Amino acid sequence: MSCFVHHMVRKGIFYDMGIPVSEDDADSVEGKIAGIVGMRGRECHEIWKKVSEWLEDPKLKEDLKNKLSEIYFS
């Protein structure tokens, strides 16, 4: 199981973004998110800290949503 995607699924973050992520594909999407926030290959807690920062900043959250949308809907 992934280290942070399941929290995002349970909190409805992906649902609110309109991104079809489930816990079944958590490991795959975690790597994609790590790349988007510039933390590929880093430890889980480091990635989650950066993702949390992105989720707290409206512009960065929108960027995350747009980049995930490109991955899932293109």
N, C-alpha and C. Protein backbone atom coordinates (compact mmCIF):
# COMPACT_ATOMS: atom_id res chain seq x y z
N MET A 1 0.85 -1.19 0.00
CA MET A 1 0.00 0.00 0.00
C MET A 1 0.88 1.24 0.00
N SER A 2 0.41 2.25 -0.61
CA SER A 2 1.16 3.50 -0.69
C SER A 2 1.27 4.17 0.67
N CYS A 3 2.11 5.16 0.73
CA CYS A 3 2.29 5.82 2.01
C CYS A 3 1.35 7.00 2.22
N PHE A 4 0.86 7.63 1.16
CA PHE A 4 -0.02 8.78 1.39
C PHE A 4 -1.25 8.83 0.50
N VAL A 5 -1.25 8.14 -0.61
CA VAL A 5 -2.39 8.21 -1.52
C VAL A 5 -3.67 7.72 -0.86
N HIS A 6 -3.57 6.68 -0.04
CA HIS A 6 -4.79 6.18 0.61
C HIS A 6 -5.41 7.25 1.51
N HIS A 7 -4.59 8.11 2.12
CA HIS A 7 -5.14 9.22 2.93
C HIS A 7 -5.88 10.20 2.02
N MET A 8 -5.30 10.46 0.87
CA MET A 8 -5.92 11.39 -0.07
C MET A 8 -7.24 10.83 -0.60
N VAL A 9 -7.27 9.51 -0.84
CA VAL A 9 -8.51 8.88 -1.29
C VAL A 9 -9.58 8.99 -0.20
N ARG A 10 -9.22 8.62 1.01
CA ARG A 10 -10.19 8.63 2.12
C ARG A 10 -10.69 10.03 2.45
N LYS A 11 -9.85 11.03 2.28
CA LYS A 11 -10.25 12.41 2.56
C LYS A 11 -11.03 13.03 1.39
N GLY A 12 -11.13 12.30 0.29
CA GLY A 12 -11.90 12.79 -0.85
C GLY A 12 -11.16 13.82 -1.70
N ILE A 13 -9.86 13.91 -1.54
CA ILE A 13 -9.09 14.92 -2.28
C ILE A 13 -9.15 14.67 -3.78
N PHE A 14 -8.97 13.42 -4.19
CA PHE A 14 -9.05 13.11 -5.62
C PHE A 14 -10.47 13.30 -6.14
N TYR A 15 -11.44 12.90 -5.35
CA TYR A 15 -12.84 13.08 -5.74
C TYR A 15 -13.14 14.56 -5.98
N ASP A 16 -12.69 15.42 -5.06
CA ASP A 16 -12.90 16.86 -5.21
C ASP A 16 -12.21 17.42 -6.44
N MET A 17 -11.09 16.80 -6.84
CA MET A 17 -10.36 17.24 -8.02
C MET A 17 -10.94 16.66 -9.30
N GLY A 18 -11.83 15.67 -9.17
CA GLY A 18 -12.38 15.01 -10.34
C GLY A 18 -11.43 14.01 -10.97
N ILE A 19 -10.50 13.48 -10.16
CA ILE A 19 -9.51 12.52 -10.64
C ILE A 19 -9.89 11.12 -10.16
N PRO A 20 -10.03 10.16 -11.08
CA PRO A 20 -10.49 8.81 -10.71
C PRO A 20 -9.38 7.93 -10.12
N VAL A 21 -9.01 8.18 -8.89
CA VAL A 21 -7.98 7.40 -8.21
C VAL A 21 -8.63 6.57 -7.12
N SER A 22 -8.22 5.31 -7.05
CA SER A 22 -8.70 4.44 -5.98
C SER A 22 -7.49 3.88 -5.25
N GLU A 23 -7.73 3.24 -4.13
CA GLU A 23 -6.63 2.63 -3.38
C GLU A 23 -5.99 1.50 -4.18
N ASP A 24 -6.69 0.94 -5.16
CA ASP A 24 -6.14 -0.13 -5.98
C ASP A 24 -4.96 0.33 -6.83
N ASP A 25 -4.97 1.59 -7.26
CA ASP A 25 -3.86 2.09 -8.07
C ASP A 25 -3.00 3.10 -7.31
N ALA A 26 -3.01 2.99 -5.99
CA ALA A 26 -2.31 3.95 -5.15
C ALA A 26 -0.81 3.99 -5.40
N ASP A 27 -0.18 2.84 -5.54
CA ASP A 27 1.27 2.82 -5.74
C ASP A 27 1.66 3.53 -7.02
N SER A 28 0.91 3.30 -8.07
CA SER A 28 1.20 3.93 -9.36
C SER A 28 1.02 5.45 -9.29
N VAL A 29 -0.09 5.88 -8.72
CA VAL A 29 -0.36 7.32 -8.67
C VAL A 29 0.60 8.02 -7.71
N GLU A 30 1.05 7.32 -6.69
CA GLU A 30 2.01 7.92 -5.77
C GLU A 30 3.29 8.32 -6.49
N GLY A 31 3.77 7.45 -7.36
CA GLY A 31 4.97 7.77 -8.13
C GLY A 31 4.74 8.95 -9.05
N LYS A 32 3.56 9.02 -9.65
CA LYS A 32 3.24 10.14 -10.53
C LYS A 32 3.19 11.45 -9.75
N ILE A 33 2.58 11.42 -8.59
CA ILE A 33 2.50 12.62 -7.76
C ILE A 33 3.89 13.04 -7.29
N ALA A 34 4.70 12.08 -6.89
CA ALA A 34 6.07 12.39 -6.45
C ALA A 34 6.81 13.11 -7.57
N GLY A 35 6.64 12.66 -8.80
CA GLY A 35 7.27 13.33 -9.93
C GLY A 35 6.74 14.73 -10.16
N ILE A 36 5.45 14.90 -10.03
CA ILE A 36 4.84 16.21 -10.24
C ILE A 36 5.37 17.23 -9.24
N VAL A 37 5.50 16.84 -7.99
CA VAL A 37 5.94 17.78 -6.95
C VAL A 37 7.46 17.82 -6.83
N GLY A 38 8.17 17.13 -7.72
CA GLY A 38 9.63 17.17 -7.74
C GLY A 38 10.31 16.37 -6.66
N MET A 39 9.67 15.28 -6.23
CA MET A 39 10.22 14.49 -5.12
C MET A 39 10.40 13.02 -5.49
N ARG A 40 10.51 12.71 -6.76
CA ARG A 40 10.67 11.31 -7.19
C ARG A 40 11.91 10.71 -6.53
N GLY A 41 11.76 9.51 -5.99
CA GLY A 41 12.86 8.80 -5.37
C GLY A 41 13.14 9.18 -3.93
N ARG A 42 12.33 10.06 -3.38
CA ARG A 42 12.53 10.50 -2.00
C ARG A 42 11.74 9.61 -1.04
N GLU A 43 11.99 9.77 0.24
CA GLU A 43 11.29 9.01 1.28
C GLU A 43 9.84 9.48 1.37
N CYS A 44 8.98 8.57 1.80
CA CYS A 44 7.54 8.83 1.89
C CYS A 44 7.23 10.11 2.66
N HIS A 45 7.79 10.26 3.84
CA HIS A 45 7.46 11.43 4.66
C HIS A 45 7.88 12.73 3.99
N GLU A 46 8.95 12.70 3.20
CA GLU A 46 9.39 13.89 2.48
C GLU A 46 8.40 14.24 1.36
N ILE A 47 7.96 13.21 0.66
CA ILE A 47 7.00 13.42 -0.43
C ILE A 47 5.69 13.94 0.14
N TRP A 48 5.20 13.31 1.21
CA TRP A 48 3.93 13.72 1.79
C TRP A 48 3.99 15.16 2.30
N LYS A 49 5.11 15.55 2.87
CA LYS A 49 5.26 16.93 3.33
C LYS A 49 5.12 17.89 2.16
N LYS A 50 5.77 17.59 1.05
CA LYS A 50 5.70 18.45 -0.14
C LYS A 50 4.29 18.44 -0.73
N VAL A 51 3.66 17.26 -0.80
CA VAL A 51 2.29 17.17 -1.33
C VAL A 51 1.35 17.99 -0.45
N SER A 52 1.52 17.91 0.85
CA SER A 52 0.69 18.69 1.78
C SER A 52 0.82 20.18 1.52
N GLU A 53 2.05 20.62 1.26
CA GLU A 53 2.27 22.04 0.93
C GLU A 53 1.52 22.40 -0.35
N TRP A 54 1.58 21.53 -1.34
CA TRP A 54 0.86 21.79 -2.59
C TRP A 54 -0.65 21.84 -2.36
N LEU A 55 -1.16 20.97 -1.51
CA LEU A 55 -2.60 20.94 -1.26
C LEU A 55 -3.08 22.15 -0.48
N GLU A 56 -2.20 22.76 0.29
CA GLU A 56 -2.56 23.94 1.08
C GLU A 56 -2.52 25.22 0.25
N ASP A 57 -1.78 25.23 -0.83
CA ASP A 57 -1.65 26.41 -1.69
C ASP A 57 -2.62 26.26 -2.87
N PRO A 58 -3.59 27.16 -2.99
CA PRO A 58 -4.60 27.01 -4.06
C PRO A 58 -4.01 26.91 -5.46
N LYS A 59 -2.98 27.70 -5.77
CA LYS A 59 -2.38 27.64 -7.11
C LYS A 59 -1.68 26.31 -7.34
N LEU A 60 -0.90 25.86 -6.35
CA LEU A 60 -0.21 24.58 -6.50
C LEU A 60 -1.20 23.42 -6.55
N LYS A 61 -2.27 23.51 -5.77
CA LYS A 61 -3.29 22.46 -5.80
C LYS A 61 -3.92 22.39 -7.19
N GLU A 62 -4.17 23.54 -7.79
CA GLU A 62 -4.73 23.57 -9.15
C GLU A 62 -3.73 22.99 -10.15
N ASP A 63 -2.44 23.30 -9.97
CA ASP A 63 -1.41 22.73 -10.83
C ASP A 63 -1.38 21.21 -10.71
N LEU A 64 -1.46 20.71 -9.48
CA LEU A 64 -1.49 19.26 -9.25
C LEU A 64 -2.69 18.64 -9.94
N LYS A 65 -3.84 19.26 -9.77
CA LYS A 65 -5.06 18.77 -10.42
C LYS A 65 -4.89 18.73 -11.93
N ASN A 66 -4.37 19.80 -12.50
CA ASN A 66 -4.21 19.87 -13.96
C ASN A 66 -3.24 18.81 -14.47
N LYS A 67 -2.14 18.62 -13.76
CA LYS A 67 -1.15 17.64 -14.20
C LYS A 67 -1.68 16.21 -14.04
N LEU A 68 -2.42 15.95 -12.98
CA LEU A 68 -3.04 14.62 -12.84
C LEU A 68 -4.11 14.41 -13.91
N SER A 69 -4.84 15.46 -14.23
CA SER A 69 -5.86 15.36 -15.29
C SER A 69 -5.22 15.02 -16.63
N GLU A 70 -4.07 15.63 -16.91
CA GLU A 70 -3.36 15.32 -18.15
C GLU A 70 -2.98 13.83 -18.19
N ILE A 71 -2.56 13.30 -17.07
CA ILE A 71 -2.16 11.89 -17.01
C ILE A 71 -3.38 10.97 -17.18
N TYR A 72 -4.47 11.29 -16.52
CA TYR A 72 -5.61 10.39 -16.51
C TYR A 72 -6.56 10.59 -17.68
N PHE A 73 -6.59 11.78 -18.27
CA PHE A 73 -7.58 12.04 -19.30
C PHE A 73 -7.01 12.33 -20.67
N SER A 74 -5.70 12.12 -20.87
CA SER A 74 -5.15 12.40 -22.20
C SER A 74 -4.85 11.11 -22.94
